[in-house]
């Protein structure tokens, strides 16, 4: 058995979706705000921060 570490070097789904949205925005196919065009990048980060905040609050009130 070998202990091979696999790494991913490609663009993930949020990155690919962001590229598609940017191309659609620049070609005039969609008229969204740039906030929504770039949302595949910032929405997962916001969700991660919210989960972290909930975990900190739960840990603070659990008394451990």
PDB file of N, CA and C in Angstrom:
ATOM      1  N   UNK A   1       0.835  -1.178   0.000  1.00  0.00           N
ATOM      2  CA  UNK A   1       0.000   0.000   0.000  1.00  0.00           C
ATOM      3  C   UNK A   1       0.881   1.242   0.000  1.00  0.00           C
ATOM      4  N   UNK A   2       0.602   2.165  -0.876  1.00  0.00           N
ATOM      5  CA  UNK A   2       1.412   3.380  -0.895  1.00  0.00           C
ATOM      6  C   UNK A   2       0.627   4.537  -0.296  1.00  0.00           C
ATOM      7  N   UNK A   3       1.366   5.423   0.324  1.00  0.00           N
ATOM      8  CA  UNK A   3       0.759   6.609   0.918  1.00  0.00           C
ATOM      9  C   UNK A   3       0.961   7.786  -0.030  1.00  0.00           C
ATOM     10  N   UNK A   4       0.114   7.859  -1.008  1.00  0.00           N
ATOM     11  CA  UNK A   4       0.205   8.914  -2.001  1.00  0.00           C
ATOM     12  C   UNK A   4      -0.787  10.013  -1.640  1.00  0.00           C
ATOM     13  N   UNK A   5      -0.293  11.226  -1.589  1.00  0.00           N
ATOM     14  CA  UNK A   5      -1.154  12.367  -1.309  1.00  0.00           C
ATOM     15  C   UNK A   5      -1.624  12.938  -2.635  1.00  0.00           C
ATOM     16  N   UNK A   6      -2.931  13.017  -2.796  1.00  0.00           N
ATOM     17  CA  UNK A   6      -3.489  13.558  -4.024  1.00  0.00           C
ATOM     18  C   UNK A   6      -3.851  15.017  -3.798  1.00  0.00           C
ATOM     19  N   UNK A   7      -3.466  15.834  -4.742  1.00  0.00           N
ATOM     20  CA  UNK A   7      -3.810  17.252  -4.655  1.00  0.00           C
ATOM     21  C   UNK A   7      -4.597  17.648  -5.888  1.00  0.00           C
ATOM     22  N   UNK A   8      -5.462  18.606  -5.719  1.00  0.00           N
ATOM     23  CA  UNK A   8      -6.251  19.117  -6.829  1.00  0.00           C
ATOM     24  C   UNK A   8      -5.621  20.420  -7.305  1.00  0.00           C
ATOM     25  N   UNK A   9      -5.407  20.526  -8.587  1.00  0.00           N
ATOM     26  CA  UNK A   9      -4.801  21.745  -9.105  1.00  0.00           C
ATOM     27  C   UNK A   9      -5.699  22.449 -10.117  1.00  0.00           C
ATOM     28  N   UNK A  10      -6.958  22.066 -10.148  1.00  0.00           N
ATOM     29  CA  UNK A  10      -7.871  22.657 -11.113  1.00  0.00           C
ATOM     30  C   UNK A  10      -8.746  23.730 -10.491  1.00  0.00           C
ATOM     31  N   UNK A  11      -9.538  24.329 -11.333  1.00  0.00           N
ATOM     32  CA  UNK A  11     -10.496  25.320 -10.877  1.00  0.00           C
ATOM     33  C   UNK A  11     -11.722  24.575 -10.369  1.00  0.00           C
ATOM     34  N   UNK A  12     -12.159  24.891  -9.171  1.00  0.00           N
ATOM     35  CA  UNK A  12     -13.324  24.226  -8.600  1.00  0.00           C
ATOM     36  C   UNK A  12     -14.616  24.751  -9.205  1.00  0.00           C
ATOM     37  N   UNK A  13     -15.725  24.167  -8.757  1.00  0.00           N
ATOM     38  CA  UNK A  13     -17.024  24.559  -9.278  1.00  0.00           C
ATOM     39  C   UNK A  13     -17.335  26.039  -9.057  1.00  0.00           C
ATOM     40  N   UNK A  14     -17.108  26.591  -7.856  1.00  0.00           N
ATOM     41  CA  UNK A  14     -17.375  28.030  -7.692  1.00  0.00           C
ATOM     42  C   UNK A  14     -16.522  28.894  -8.612  1.00  0.00           C
ATOM     43  N   UNK A  15     -15.272  28.524  -8.829  1.00  0.00           N
ATOM     44  CA  UNK A  15     -14.406  29.280  -9.726  1.00  0.00           C
ATOM     45  C   UNK A  15     -14.882  29.209 -11.163  1.00  0.00           C
ATOM     46  N   UNK A  16     -15.294  28.029 -11.587  1.00  0.00           N
ATOM     47  CA  UNK A  16     -15.806  27.860 -12.948  1.00  0.00           C
ATOM     48  C   UNK A  16     -17.100  28.648 -13.136  1.00  0.00           C
ATOM     49  N   UNK A  17     -17.979  28.587 -12.146  1.00  0.00           N
ATOM     50  CA  UNK A  17     -19.232  29.332 -12.225  1.00  0.00           C
ATOM     51  C   UNK A  17     -18.974  30.831 -12.270  1.00  0.00           C
ATOM     52  N   UNK A  18     -17.986  31.295 -11.514  1.00  0.00           N
ATOM     53  CA  UNK A  18     -17.623  32.711 -11.533  1.00  0.00           C
ATOM     54  C   UNK A  18     -17.133  33.126 -12.917  1.00  0.00           C
ATOM     55  N   UNK A  19     -16.309  32.300 -13.530  1.00  0.00           N
ATOM     56  CA  UNK A  19     -15.814  32.604 -14.874  1.00  0.00           C
ATOM     57  C   UNK A  19     -16.967  32.676 -15.865  1.00  0.00           C
ATOM     58  N   UNK A  20     -17.907  31.733 -15.761  1.00  0.00           N
ATOM     59  CA  UNK A  20     -19.070  31.736 -16.660  1.00  0.00           C
ATOM     60  C   UNK A  20     -19.883  33.017 -16.458  1.00  0.00           C
ATOM     61  N   UNK A  21     -20.123  33.398 -15.197  1.00  0.00           N
ATOM     62  CA  UNK A  21     -20.894  34.611 -14.921  1.00  0.00           C
ATOM     63  C   UNK A  21     -20.180  35.857 -15.424  1.00  0.00           C
ATOM     64  N   UNK A  22     -18.855  35.910 -15.274  1.00  0.00           N
ATOM     65  CA  UNK A  22     -18.105  37.072 -15.755  1.00  0.00           C
ATOM     66  C   UNK A  22     -18.205  37.189 -17.274  1.00  0.00           C
ATOM     67  N   UNK A  23     -18.063  36.065 -17.966  1.00  0.00           N
ATOM     68  CA  UNK A  23     -18.178  36.080 -19.426  1.00  0.00           C
ATOM     69  C   UNK A  23     -19.579  36.520 -19.832  1.00  0.00           C
ATOM     70  N   UNK A  24     -20.590  36.010 -19.151  1.00  0.00           N
ATOM     71  CA  UNK A  24     -21.962  36.395 -19.473  1.00  0.00           C
ATOM     72  C   UNK A  24     -22.195  37.880 -19.210  1.00  0.00           C
ATOM     73  N   UNK A  25     -21.614  38.404 -18.149  1.00  0.00           N
ATOM     74  CA  UNK A  25     -21.761  39.831 -17.833  1.00  0.00           C
ATOM     75  C   UNK A  25     -21.055  40.690 -18.887  1.00  0.00           C
ATOM     76  N   UNK A  26     -19.841  40.318 -19.242  1.00  0.00           N
ATOM     77  CA  UNK A  26     -19.071  41.115 -20.194  1.00  0.00           C
ATOM     78  C   UNK A  26     -19.640  41.064 -21.616  1.00  0.00           C
ATOM     79  N   UNK A  27     -20.324  39.978 -21.949  1.00  0.00           N
ATOM     80  CA  UNK A  27     -20.933  39.880 -23.279  1.00  0.00           C
ATOM     81  C   UNK A  27     -22.337  40.474 -23.316  1.00  0.00           C
ATOM     82  N   UNK A  28     -22.835  40.928 -22.174  1.00  0.00           N
ATOM     83  CA  UNK A  28     -24.147  41.554 -22.129  1.00  0.00           C
ATOM     84  C   UNK A  28     -25.305  40.585 -22.039  1.00  0.00           C
ATOM     85  N   UNK A  29     -25.031  39.308 -21.819  1.00  0.00           N
ATOM     86  CA  UNK A  29     -26.098  38.314 -21.729  1.00  0.00           C
ATOM     87  C   UNK A  29     -26.902  38.466 -20.443  1.00  0.00           C
ATOM     88  N   UNK A  30     -26.241  38.895 -19.366  1.00  0.00           N
ATOM     89  CA  UNK A  30     -26.927  39.170 -18.104  1.00  0.00           C
ATOM     90  C   UNK A  30     -26.619  40.602 -17.692  1.00  0.00           C
ATOM     91  N   UNK A  31     -27.529  41.207 -16.948  1.00  0.00           N
ATOM     92  CA  UNK A  31     -27.348  42.588 -16.490  1.00  0.00           C
ATOM     93  C   UNK A  31     -27.293  42.632 -14.966  1.00  0.00           C
ATOM     94  N   UNK A  32     -26.702  41.594 -14.370  1.00  0.00           N
ATOM     95  CA  UNK A  32     -26.615  41.515 -12.921  1.00  0.00           C
ATOM     96  C   UNK A  32     -25.594  42.507 -12.394  1.00  0.00           C
ATOM     97  N   UNK A  33     -25.733  42.828 -11.122  1.00  0.00           N
ATOM     98  CA  UNK A  33     -24.723  43.599 -10.417  1.00  0.00           C
ATOM     99  C   UNK A  33     -23.462  42.736 -10.295  1.00  0.00           C
ATOM    100  N   UNK A  34     -22.315  43.413 -10.199  1.00  0.00           N
ATOM    101  CA  UNK A  34     -21.069  42.665 -10.029  1.00  0.00           C
ATOM    102  C   UNK A  34     -21.055  41.884  -8.720  1.00  0.00           C
ATOM    103  N   UNK A  35     -21.832  42.310  -7.724  1.00  0.00           N
ATOM    104  CA  UNK A  35     -21.937  41.542  -6.465  1.00  0.00           C
ATOM    105  C   UNK A  35     -22.474  40.149  -6.747  1.00  0.00           C
ATOM    106  N   UNK A  36     -23.494  40.042  -7.598  1.00  0.00           N
ATOM    107  CA  UNK A  36     -24.068  38.741  -7.914  1.00  0.00           C
ATOM    108  C   UNK A  36     -23.200  37.950  -8.886  1.00  0.00           C
ATOM    109  N   UNK A  37     -22.524  38.635  -9.768  1.00  0.00           N
ATOM    110  CA  UNK A  37     -21.624  37.944 -10.699  1.00  0.00           C
ATOM    111  C   UNK A  37     -20.506  37.249  -9.930  1.00  0.00           C
ATOM    112  N   UNK A  38     -20.007  37.900  -8.899  1.00  0.00           N
ATOM    113  CA  UNK A  38     -18.912  37.337  -8.104  1.00  0.00           C
ATOM    114  C   UNK A  38     -19.400  36.542  -6.891  1.00  0.00           C
ATOM    115  N   UNK A  39     -20.697  36.351  -6.769  1.00  0.00           N
ATOM    116  CA  UNK A  39     -21.256  35.653  -5.610  1.00  0.00           C
ATOM    117  C   UNK A  39     -20.756  34.218  -5.416  1.00  0.00           C
ATOM    118  N   UNK A  40     -20.428  33.453  -6.470  1.00  0.00           N
ATOM    119  CA  UNK A  40     -19.895  32.111  -6.206  1.00  0.00           C
ATOM    120  C   UNK A  40     -18.582  32.138  -5.415  1.00  0.00           C
ATOM    121  N   UNK A  41     -17.907  33.276  -5.379  1.00  0.00           N
ATOM    122  CA  UNK A  41     -16.675  33.381  -4.595  1.00  0.00           C
ATOM    123  C   UNK A  41     -16.948  33.780  -3.152  1.00  0.00           C
ATOM    124  N   UNK A  42     -17.895  34.706  -2.924  1.00  0.00           N
ATOM    125  CA  UNK A  42     -18.069  35.199  -1.566  1.00  0.00           C
ATOM    126  C   UNK A  42     -19.140  34.479  -0.765  1.00  0.00           C
ATOM    127  N   UNK A  43     -20.112  33.847  -1.405  1.00  0.00           N
ATOM    128  CA  UNK A  43     -21.160  33.151  -0.647  1.00  0.00           C
ATOM    129  C   UNK A  43     -20.605  31.990   0.182  1.00  0.00           C
ATOM    130  N   UNK A  44     -19.737  31.118  -0.349  1.00  0.00           N
ATOM    131  CA  UNK A  44     -19.171  30.059   0.502  1.00  0.00           C
ATOM    132  C   UNK A  44     -18.350  30.620   1.666  1.00  0.00           C
ATOM    133  N   UNK A  45     -17.666  31.729   1.454  1.00  0.00           N
ATOM    134  CA  UNK A  45     -16.890  32.343   2.538  1.00  0.00           C
ATOM    135  C   UNK A  45     -17.813  32.863   3.638  1.00  0.00           C
ATOM    136  N   UNK A  46     -18.917  33.478   3.254  1.00  0.00           N
ATOM    137  CA  UNK A  46     -19.883  33.986   4.237  1.00  0.00           C
ATOM    138  C   UNK A  46     -20.499  32.828   5.023  1.00  0.00           C
ATOM    139  N   UNK A  47     -20.842  31.754   4.343  1.00  0.00           N
ATOM    140  CA  UNK A  47     -21.404  30.583   5.027  1.00  0.00           C
ATOM    141  C   UNK A  47     -20.390  30.000   6.013  1.00  0.00           C
ATOM    142  N   UNK A  48     -19.127  29.931   5.598  1.00  0.00           N
ATOM    143  CA  UNK A  48     -18.082  29.424   6.489  1.00  0.00           C
ATOM    144  C   UNK A  48     -17.912  30.292   7.728  1.00  0.00           C
ATOM    145  N   UNK A  49     -17.949  31.599   7.562  1.00  0.00           N
ATOM    146  CA  UNK A  49     -17.824  32.512   8.707  1.00  0.00           C
ATOM    147  C   UNK A  49     -19.029  32.353   9.637  1.00  0.00           C
ATOM    148  N   UNK A  50     -20.226  32.222   9.085  1.00  0.00           N
ATOM    149  CA  UNK A  50     -21.413  32.029   9.916  1.00  0.00           C
ATOM    150  C   UNK A  50     -21.328  30.735  10.726  1.00  0.00           C
ATOM    151  N   UNK A  51     -20.888  29.663  10.087  1.00  0.00           N
ATOM    152  CA  UNK A  51     -20.737  28.388  10.802  1.00  0.00           C
ATOM    153  C   UNK A  51     -19.704  28.526  11.915  1.00  0.00           C
ATOM    154  N   UNK A  52     -18.599  29.195  11.625  1.00  0.00           N
ATOM    155  CA  UNK A  52     -17.568  29.408  12.645  1.00  0.00           C
ATOM    156  C   UNK A  52     -18.105  30.226  13.806  1.00  0.00           C
ATOM    157  N   UNK A  53     -18.878  31.261  13.525  1.00  0.00           N
ATOM    158  CA  UNK A  53     -19.460  32.082  14.586  1.00  0.00           C
ATOM    159  C   UNK A  53     -20.424  31.271  15.451  1.00  0.00           C
ATOM    160  N   UNK A  54     -21.236  30.422  14.825  1.00  0.00           N
ATOM    161  CA  UNK A  54     -22.159  29.569  15.576  1.00  0.00           C
ATOM    162  C   UNK A  54     -21.393  28.607  16.466  1.00  0.00           C
ATOM    163  N   UNK A  55     -20.312  28.040  15.939  1.00  0.00           N
ATOM    164  CA  UNK A  55     -19.499  27.113  16.741  1.00  0.00           C
ATOM    165  C   UNK A  55     -18.870  27.826  17.936  1.00  0.00           C
ATOM    166  N   UNK A  56     -18.406  29.055  17.748  1.00  0.00           N
ATOM    167  CA  UNK A  56     -17.811  29.814  18.847  1.00  0.00           C
ATOM    168  C   UNK A  56     -18.857  30.131  19.903  1.00  0.00           C
ATOM    169  N   UNK A  57     -20.058  30.526  19.478  1.00  0.00           N
ATOM    170  CA  UNK A  57     -21.126  30.835  20.429  1.00  0.00           C
ATOM    171  C   UNK A  57     -21.540  29.597  21.214  1.00  0.00           C
ATOM    172  N   UNK A  58     -21.679  28.463  20.519  1.00  0.00           N
ATOM    173  CA  UNK A  58     -22.047  27.214  21.197  1.00  0.00           C
ATOM    174  C   UNK A  58     -20.955  26.815  22.191  1.00  0.00           C
ATOM    175  N   UNK A  59     -19.698  26.949  21.809  1.00  0.00           N
ATOM    176  CA  UNK A  59     -18.593  26.593  22.709  1.00  0.00           C
ATOM    177  C   UNK A  59     -18.563  27.524  23.920  1.00  0.00           C
ATOM    178  N   UNK A  60     -18.880  28.798  23.720  1.00  0.00           N
ATOM    179  CA  UNK A  60     -18.858  29.752  24.834  1.00  0.00           C
ATOM    180  C   UNK A  60     -19.952  29.446  25.853  1.00  0.00           C
ATOM    181  N   UNK A  61     -21.112  28.992  25.375  1.00  0.00           N
ATOM    182  CA  UNK A  61     -22.216  28.721  26.291  1.00  0.00           C
ATOM    183  C   UNK A  61     -22.258  27.284  26.803  1.00  0.00           C
ATOM    184  N   UNK A  62     -21.404  26.420  26.273  1.00  0.00           N
ATOM    185  CA  UNK A  62     -21.402  25.029  26.741  1.00  0.00           C
ATOM    186  C   UNK A  62     -20.625  24.879  28.030  1.00  0.00           C
ATOM    187  N   UNK A  63     -19.746  25.829  28.346  1.00  0.00           N
ATOM    188  CA  UNK A  63     -19.014  25.798  29.611  1.00  0.00           C
ATOM    189  C   UNK A  63     -17.799  24.900  29.612  1.00  0.00           C
ATOM    190  N   UNK A  64     -17.342  24.471  28.465  1.00  0.00           N
ATOM    191  CA  UNK A  64     -16.171  23.591  28.429  1.00  0.00           C
ATOM    192  C   UNK A  64     -14.953  24.337  27.999  1.00  0.00           C
TER     193      UNK A  64
END
